[in-house]
Amino acid sequence: MPVSIGLPIVSTCSVDTCGFNHDANCHAGAINVSATADGTHCVTATHTDTPAGREALAAVGACSRTDCKFNDAMVCNATEIQVGADFDTAHCLTFATA
């Protein structure tokens, strides 16, 4: 099912331990990004060896990192984002301070 409501896609994901990651592509359907004490995280990341998700690439459903230049009313307006691994968390690598 293609994303047709104008949400940015997750163009790449390097979180190998996430069940939604298949061949460096996120298949969660939609992800949420959140601000935490140590960064900007994809809170949808599910650390499992069990494959999960759909065929379509994931979109960014919501982002609570309001200090990001791509955040407009808690919606990401970047064309696409990249998610990357850092220890046991999944970070939004596209985050840029407003």
C-alpha atoms as a PDB file:
ATOM      1  CA  MET A   1       0.000   0.000   0.000  1.00  0.00           C
ATOM      2  CA  PRO A   2       1.687   3.250  -1.085  1.00  0.00           C
ATOM      3  CA  VAL A   3       1.803   6.308   1.152  1.00  0.00           C
ATOM      4  CA  SER A   4      -0.530   8.756  -0.530  1.00  0.00           C
ATOM      5  CA  ILE A   5      -1.244  11.414   2.076  1.00  0.00           C
ATOM      6  CA  GLY A   6       1.960  13.393   1.686  1.00  0.00           C
ATOM      7  CA  LEU A   7       3.937  11.995   4.604  1.00  0.00           C
ATOM      8  CA  PRO A   8       7.721  11.806   4.292  1.00  0.00           C
ATOM      9  CA  ILE A   9       9.162   8.320   3.893  1.00  0.00           C
ATOM     10  CA  VAL A  10      11.893   6.649   5.891  1.00  0.00           C
ATOM     11  CA  SER A  11      14.420   6.399   3.064  1.00  0.00           C
ATOM     12  CA  THR A  12      16.926   4.209   4.931  1.00  0.00           C
ATOM     13  CA  CYS A  13      17.281   2.480   8.266  1.00  0.00           C
ATOM     14  CA  SER A  14      20.479   0.952   9.623  1.00  0.00           C
ATOM     15  CA  VAL A  15      18.953  -0.497  12.802  1.00  0.00           C
ATOM     16  CA  ASP A  16      19.670  -4.166  12.104  1.00  0.00           C
ATOM     17  CA  THR A  17      17.939  -5.345  15.302  1.00  0.00           C
ATOM     18  CA  CYS A  18      14.555  -3.841  14.391  1.00  0.00           C
ATOM     19  CA  GLY A  19      11.961  -6.295  13.094  1.00  0.00           C
ATOM     20  CA  PHE A  20      10.584  -3.658  10.701  1.00  0.00           C
ATOM     21  CA  ASN A  21      13.986  -3.262   8.985  1.00  0.00           C
ATOM     22  CA  HIS A  22      14.340  -5.386   5.854  1.00  0.00           C
ATOM     23  CA  ASP A  23      17.433  -4.753   3.722  1.00  0.00           C
ATOM     24  CA  ALA A  24      17.976  -1.240   5.174  1.00  0.00           C
ATOM     25  CA  ASN A  25      14.350  -0.225   4.519  1.00  0.00           C
ATOM     26  CA  CYS A  26      11.709   0.367   7.179  1.00  0.00           C
ATOM     27  CA  HIS A  27       8.410  -1.456   6.634  1.00  0.00           C
ATOM     28  CA  ALA A  28       6.496  -0.345   9.730  1.00  0.00           C
ATOM     29  CA  GLY A  29       3.806   1.467   7.756  1.00  0.00           C
ATOM     30  CA  ALA A  30       4.337   4.645   9.791  1.00  0.00           C
ATOM     31  CA  ILE A  31       6.786   5.551  12.530  1.00  0.00           C
ATOM     32  CA  ASN A  32       6.729   8.090  15.337  1.00  0.00           C
ATOM     33  CA  VAL A  33       9.751  10.168  16.287  1.00  0.00           C
ATOM     34  CA  SER A  34      10.171  11.454  19.826  1.00  0.00           C
ATOM     35  CA  ALA A  35      12.509  13.698  21.774  1.00  0.00           C
ATOM     36  CA  THR A  36      14.344  11.990  24.621  1.00  0.00           C
ATOM     37  CA  ALA A  37      17.092  13.053  26.999  1.00  0.00           C
ATOM     38  CA  ASP A  38      19.741  11.534  24.733  1.00  0.00           C
ATOM     39  CA  GLY A  39      18.458  12.348  21.269  1.00  0.00           C
ATOM     40  CA  THR A  40      15.745  12.063  18.659  1.00  0.00           C
ATOM     41  CA  HIS A  41      14.457   8.505  18.522  1.00  0.00           C
ATOM     42  CA  CYS A  42      12.261   6.403  16.303  1.00  0.00           C
ATOM     43  CA  VAL A  43       9.997   5.090  19.054  1.00  0.00           C
ATOM     44  CA  THR A  44       8.464   2.545  16.679  1.00  0.00           C
ATOM     45  CA  ALA A  45      11.690   0.514  16.565  1.00  0.00           C
ATOM     46  CA  THR A  46      11.000  -3.043  17.750  1.00  0.00           C
ATOM     47  CA  HIS A  47      14.090  -5.035  18.637  1.00  0.00           C
ATOM     48  CA  THR A  48      13.343  -8.571  17.532  1.00  0.00           C
ATOM     49  CA  ASP A  49      14.599 -11.221  15.142  1.00  0.00           C
ATOM     50  CA  THR A  50      11.030 -11.785  13.945  1.00  0.00           C
ATOM     51  CA  PRO A  51      10.347 -10.056  10.612  1.00  0.00           C
ATOM     52  CA  ALA A  52       7.548  -7.507  10.897  1.00  0.00           C
ATOM     53  CA  GLY A  53       5.741  -4.965   8.767  1.00  0.00           C
ATOM     54  CA  ARG A  54       4.291  -4.604   5.302  1.00  0.00           C
ATOM     55  CA  GLU A  55       5.695  -4.392   1.788  1.00  0.00           C
ATOM     56  CA  ALA A  56       5.396  -0.605   1.539  1.00  0.00           C
ATOM     57  CA  LEU A  57       8.054   1.679   2.950  1.00  0.00           C
ATOM     58  CA  ALA A  58       7.318   3.461   6.223  1.00  0.00           C
ATOM     59  CA  ALA A  59       6.254   7.081   6.501  1.00  0.00           C
ATOM     60  CA  VAL A  60       6.780   9.466   9.398  1.00  0.00           C
ATOM     61  CA  GLY A  61       3.428   9.650  11.157  1.00  0.00           C
ATOM     62  CA  ALA A  62       4.257  12.088  13.952  1.00  0.00           C
ATOM     63  CA  CYS A  63       7.244  13.861  15.473  1.00  0.00           C
ATOM     64  CA  SER A  64       7.323  15.428  18.920  1.00  0.00           C
ATOM     65  CA  ARG A  65      10.767  16.981  18.385  1.00  0.00           C
ATOM     66  CA  THR A  66       9.418  20.528  18.027  1.00  0.00           C
ATOM     67  CA  ASP A  67      12.911  22.074  17.949  1.00  0.00           C
ATOM     68  CA  CYS A  68      13.640  20.397  14.591  1.00  0.00           C
ATOM     69  CA  LYS A  69      13.586  22.626  11.515  1.00  0.00           C
ATOM     70  CA  PHE A  70      11.492  19.989   9.702  1.00  0.00           C
ATOM     71  CA  ASN A  71       8.766  19.953  12.383  1.00  0.00           C
ATOM     72  CA  ASP A  72       5.547  21.802  11.556  1.00  0.00           C
ATOM     73  CA  ALA A  73       2.826  21.366  14.195  1.00  0.00           C
ATOM     74  CA  MET A  74       4.360  17.983  15.210  1.00  0.00           C
ATOM     75  CA  VAL A  75       4.330  16.748  11.608  1.00  0.00           C
ATOM     76  CA  CYS A  76       7.591  16.118   9.760  1.00  0.00           C
ATOM     77  CA  ASN A  77       7.846  18.139   6.557  1.00  0.00           C
ATOM     78  CA  ALA A  78      11.186  16.755   5.335  1.00  0.00           C
ATOM     79  CA  THR A  79      11.055  15.030   1.957  1.00  0.00           C
ATOM     80  CA  GLU A  80      12.427  11.874   3.574  1.00  0.00           C
ATOM     81  CA  ILE A  81      14.297  10.878   6.729  1.00  0.00           C
ATOM     82  CA  GLN A  82      17.044   8.449   7.635  1.00  0.00           C
ATOM     83  CA  VAL A  83      17.061   6.328  10.784  1.00  0.00           C
ATOM     84  CA  GLY A  84      20.294   4.981  12.226  1.00  0.00           C
ATOM     85  CA  ALA A  85      21.429   2.779  15.062  1.00  0.00           C
ATOM     86  CA  ASP A  86      23.174   4.022  18.191  1.00  0.00           C
ATOM     87  CA  PHE A  87      23.688   1.267  20.752  1.00  0.00           C
ATOM     88  CA  ASP A  88      20.137  -0.011  21.441  1.00  0.00           C
ATOM     89  CA  THR A  89      18.209   2.984  20.123  1.00  0.00           C
ATOM     90  CA  ALA A  90      17.056   4.139  16.693  1.00  0.00           C
ATOM     91  CA  HIS A  91      17.870   7.781  15.981  1.00  0.00           C
ATOM     92  CA  CYS A  92      16.361  10.111  13.397  1.00  0.00           C
ATOM     93  CA  LEU A  93      19.528  11.136  11.542  1.00  0.00           C
ATOM     94  CA  THR A  94      17.688  13.860   9.614  1.00  0.00           C
ATOM     95  CA  PHE A  95      17.056  15.927  12.766  1.00  0.00           C
ATOM     96  CA  ALA A  96      18.362  19.482  12.452  1.00  0.00           C
ATOM     97  CA  THR A  97      17.929  22.225  15.023  1.00  0.00           C
ATOM     98  CA  ALA A  98      15.510  24.935  13.975  1.00  0.00           C
END
